[in-house]
Amino acid sequence: RQMCIRDSNYFKKNKYLMGSRPSIADFSIFGPMFAFFYQDPFAGKIMKTKAPYVNIWVNRMNAKSRTKGNFFADDKTPKIIDNILNLMSLEQVPVLMETAKILNQWNSRNNYQDLPKTLGTHKFKLNGIESERAVYPYSLWMWQKPYQYYQSLNGGAKAKLNSWLHEVGLLTALNEPLKTKLKKINSHLLIAV
């Protein structure tokens, strides 16, 4: 968390995460930043005072006008992306791997029946504090997208990415087989047969 607050001045120099135009990285992070921080009165106040340039970026992302611009040359990935992915790998990957394990167990008992919204609860750690949360298979359905993309790459393309994925803490998770796949039909999450 602290590293992301330190990175908040990144938007003082850069309009968007990957250059002077929004990228899929911006849109991926914008949703939770807008919904859970910007719109929340308490968290929004913290954002405005401790990370004012993030607040400006959220407003820029929320604007209706289209932005023209360029991405950084040579596929340069800024350090802020590494920091965000490191934080995600520490906080979210263990939850995703535990969710996959619980989904496998649930499916072995229920044999492809309709999937409920939650699969019970499990313990997790966030910033060193242990708590309990519901197990949401939806997050695993979202994880399948980067997982399937990575798995679709040929050996040479994977080799180019692997050292960076190791640095940001995602390599092991992207190589952990997802035994139970999910699909979505008309907003309903199902186990893919």
Protein backbone atom coordinates (compact mmCIF):
# COMPACT_ATOMS: atom_id res chain seq x y z
CA ARG A 1 0.00 0.00 0.00
CA GLN A 2 2.71 2.45 0.93
CA MET A 3 4.54 1.84 -2.34
CA CYS A 4 1.36 2.68 -4.28
CA ILE A 5 0.88 5.90 -2.29
CA ARG A 6 4.52 6.82 -3.08
CA ASP A 7 3.79 6.11 -6.74
CA SER A 8 0.79 8.45 -6.68
CA ASN A 9 2.96 11.30 -8.01
CA TYR A 10 3.40 9.24 -11.17
CA PHE A 11 0.30 10.96 -12.57
CA LYS A 12 1.90 14.35 -11.96
CA LYS A 13 4.23 13.57 -14.90
CA ASN A 14 2.12 11.09 -16.91
CA LYS A 15 -1.48 11.37 -18.04
CA TYR A 16 -2.01 7.59 -18.03
CA LEU A 17 -0.22 4.45 -16.88
CA MET A 18 1.36 3.57 -20.23
CA GLY A 19 1.77 6.99 -21.85
CA SER A 20 -0.37 9.87 -23.08
CA ARG A 21 -3.43 7.76 -23.89
CA PRO A 22 -5.43 5.31 -21.75
CA SER A 23 -4.59 1.61 -21.99
CA ILE A 24 -6.30 -1.55 -20.83
CA ALA A 25 -4.17 -1.21 -17.67
CA ASP A 26 -5.84 2.14 -16.91
CA PHE A 27 -9.32 0.74 -17.45
CA SER A 28 -8.55 -2.34 -15.32
CA ILE A 29 -7.52 -0.23 -12.35
CA PHE A 30 -10.00 2.60 -12.89
CA GLY A 31 -13.10 0.50 -12.07
CA PRO A 32 -12.11 -0.41 -8.51
CA MET A 33 -10.45 2.98 -7.87
CA PHE A 34 -13.62 4.82 -8.89
CA ALA A 35 -16.13 2.52 -7.19
CA PHE A 36 -14.35 1.70 -3.93
CA PHE A 37 -12.21 4.77 -3.30
CA TYR A 38 -13.30 7.82 -5.28
CA GLN A 39 -17.03 7.42 -4.58
CA ASP A 40 -16.60 6.46 -0.93
CA PRO A 41 -16.69 9.62 1.23
CA PHE A 42 -13.97 8.47 3.65
CA ALA A 43 -11.65 6.77 1.13
CA GLY A 44 -12.28 9.54 -1.39
CA LYS A 45 -11.08 12.14 1.12
CA ILE A 46 -7.90 10.13 1.73
CA MET A 47 -7.33 9.88 -2.03
CA LYS A 48 -7.79 13.63 -2.50
CA THR A 49 -5.41 14.54 0.33
CA LYS A 50 -2.74 11.80 0.16
CA ALA A 51 -2.82 11.00 -3.57
CA PRO A 52 -4.20 14.09 -5.35
CA TYR A 53 -2.72 13.13 -8.72
CA VAL A 54 -4.48 9.76 -8.55
CA ASN A 55 -7.68 11.72 -7.94
CA ILE A 56 -6.94 13.83 -11.04
CA TRP A 57 -6.29 10.63 -13.04
CA VAL A 58 -9.64 9.18 -11.89
CA ASN A 59 -11.39 12.36 -13.07
CA ARG A 60 -9.51 12.20 -16.38
CA MET A 61 -10.51 8.55 -16.83
CA ASN A 62 -14.13 9.39 -15.98
CA ALA A 63 -14.32 12.19 -18.58
CA LYS A 64 -16.48 11.50 -21.60
CA SER A 65 -14.05 12.94 -24.14
CA ARG A 66 -11.80 10.65 -26.17
CA THR A 67 -8.08 11.10 -25.66
CA LYS A 68 -5.54 10.84 -28.44
CA GLY A 69 -1.95 10.12 -27.61
CA ASN A 70 0.76 7.49 -27.63
CA PHE A 71 1.98 4.59 -25.54
CA PHE A 72 5.56 4.53 -24.33
CA ALA A 73 8.07 3.49 -26.99
CA ASP A 74 9.67 0.02 -27.04
CA ASP A 75 6.94 -1.56 -24.87
CA LYS A 76 8.46 0.15 -21.83
CA THR A 77 6.63 -0.90 -18.66
CA PRO A 78 6.80 1.76 -15.95
CA LYS A 79 7.82 0.79 -12.41
CA ILE A 80 4.32 1.71 -11.14
CA ILE A 81 2.91 -1.28 -13.08
CA ASP A 82 5.45 -3.59 -11.42
CA ASN A 83 4.51 -2.18 -8.01
CA ILE A 84 0.78 -2.65 -8.62
CA LEU A 85 1.28 -6.22 -9.86
CA ASN A 86 3.56 -7.03 -6.90
CA LEU A 87 0.85 -5.85 -4.52
CA MET A 88 -1.80 -7.84 -6.40
CA SER A 89 0.35 -10.98 -6.34
CA LEU A 90 0.81 -10.66 -2.57
CA GLU A 91 -2.83 -9.94 -1.76
CA GLN A 92 -4.93 -11.55 -4.48
CA VAL A 93 -3.05 -14.54 -5.89
CA PRO A 94 -3.26 -16.60 -2.65
CA VAL A 95 -7.04 -15.95 -2.59
CA LEU A 96 -7.35 -17.01 -6.25
CA MET A 97 -5.36 -20.21 -5.70
CA GLU A 98 -7.44 -21.08 -2.63
CA THR A 99 -10.62 -20.31 -4.60
CA ALA A 100 -9.47 -22.71 -7.35
CA LYS A 101 -8.88 -25.44 -4.75
CA ILE A 102 -12.31 -24.89 -3.15
CA LEU A 103 -13.99 -24.86 -6.58
CA ASN A 104 -12.34 -28.20 -7.47
CA GLN A 105 -13.60 -29.71 -4.19
CA TRP A 106 -17.10 -28.28 -4.70
CA ASN A 107 -17.28 -29.63 -8.27
CA SER A 108 -16.15 -33.12 -7.22
CA ARG A 109 -19.10 -33.25 -4.78
CA ASN A 110 -21.70 -31.54 -7.01
CA ASN A 111 -20.75 -32.82 -10.46
CA TYR A 112 -21.39 -29.77 -12.70
CA GLN A 113 -24.55 -28.56 -11.00
CA ASP A 114 -25.47 -24.86 -11.08
CA LEU A 115 -22.76 -22.82 -9.48
CA PRO A 116 -23.83 -20.71 -6.47
CA LYS A 117 -22.62 -17.12 -6.08
CA THR A 118 -20.36 -18.13 -3.18
CA LEU A 119 -18.74 -21.41 -2.15
CA GLY A 120 -18.61 -20.89 1.59
CA THR A 121 -15.90 -18.88 3.32
CA HIS A 122 -12.14 -19.06 3.79
CA LYS A 123 -9.42 -17.24 5.70
CA PHE A 124 -7.13 -14.73 3.99
CA LYS A 125 -4.43 -12.24 4.94
CA LEU A 126 -4.34 -8.62 3.91
CA ASN A 127 -1.42 -6.46 4.94
CA GLY A 128 -0.53 -9.03 7.64
CA ILE A 129 -4.03 -9.12 9.15
CA GLU A 130 -5.98 -12.38 8.93
CA SER A 131 -9.71 -12.32 8.32
CA GLU A 132 -12.44 -14.38 6.66
CA ARG A 133 -14.24 -13.77 3.40
CA ALA A 134 -16.75 -15.43 1.10
CA VAL A 135 -15.29 -17.56 -1.71
CA TYR A 136 -16.39 -15.99 -5.00
CA PRO A 137 -15.90 -18.15 -8.11
CA TYR A 138 -16.40 -15.00 -10.22
CA SER A 139 -12.89 -13.81 -9.32
CA LEU A 140 -11.54 -17.09 -10.68
CA TRP A 141 -13.47 -16.59 -13.92
CA MET A 142 -11.73 -13.20 -14.23
CA TRP A 143 -8.34 -14.81 -13.47
CA GLN A 144 -8.88 -17.29 -16.33
CA LYS A 145 -8.45 -14.47 -18.85
CA PRO A 146 -4.78 -13.65 -18.13
CA TYR A 147 -4.15 -17.33 -17.36
CA GLN A 148 -5.52 -18.50 -20.73
CA TYR A 149 -3.68 -15.74 -22.58
CA TYR A 150 -0.38 -16.72 -20.96
CA GLN A 151 -1.00 -20.42 -21.64
CA SER A 152 -1.74 -19.65 -25.31
CA LEU A 153 1.71 -18.14 -25.88
CA ASN A 154 4.40 -20.14 -27.65
CA GLY A 155 7.59 -21.07 -25.82
CA GLY A 156 9.60 -18.10 -27.11
CA ALA A 157 6.98 -15.53 -26.10
CA LYS A 158 6.64 -17.14 -22.66
CA ALA A 159 10.41 -17.14 -22.21
CA LYS A 160 10.51 -13.38 -22.87
CA LEU A 161 7.86 -12.76 -20.20
CA ASN A 162 8.91 -15.26 -17.54
CA SER A 163 11.65 -13.29 -15.78
CA TRP A 164 9.40 -10.22 -15.53
CA LEU A 165 6.44 -12.33 -14.33
CA HIS A 166 8.74 -13.86 -11.70
CA GLU A 167 9.81 -10.36 -10.55
CA VAL A 168 6.20 -9.24 -10.08
CA GLY A 169 5.22 -12.51 -8.37
CA LEU A 170 2.84 -13.93 -10.98
CA LEU A 171 4.87 -16.66 -12.71
CA THR A 172 4.01 -19.53 -10.34
CA ALA A 173 0.27 -18.74 -10.38
CA LEU A 174 0.18 -18.53 -14.18
CA ASN A 175 1.73 -21.99 -14.35
CA GLU A 176 -0.62 -23.53 -11.75
CA PRO A 177 -3.15 -25.62 -13.74
CA LEU A 178 -6.78 -24.56 -13.45
CA LYS A 179 -8.50 -27.94 -13.20
CA THR A 180 -12.05 -26.60 -13.16
CA LYS A 181 -12.81 -24.04 -15.86
CA LEU A 182 -15.68 -21.57 -15.72
CA LYS A 183 -17.87 -20.02 -18.40
CA LYS A 184 -20.48 -17.30 -18.37
CA ILE A 185 -23.83 -17.50 -20.17
CA ASN A 186 -26.30 -14.61 -19.88
CA SER A 187 -24.56 -13.28 -16.73
CA HIS A 188 -24.76 -16.73 -15.13
CA LEU A 189 -21.50 -18.38 -14.09
CA LEU A 190 -21.25 -22.07 -14.94
CA ILE A 191 -18.65 -24.81 -14.81
CA ALA A 192 -17.37 -25.41 -18.34
CA VAL A 193 -17.79 -29.01 -19.41
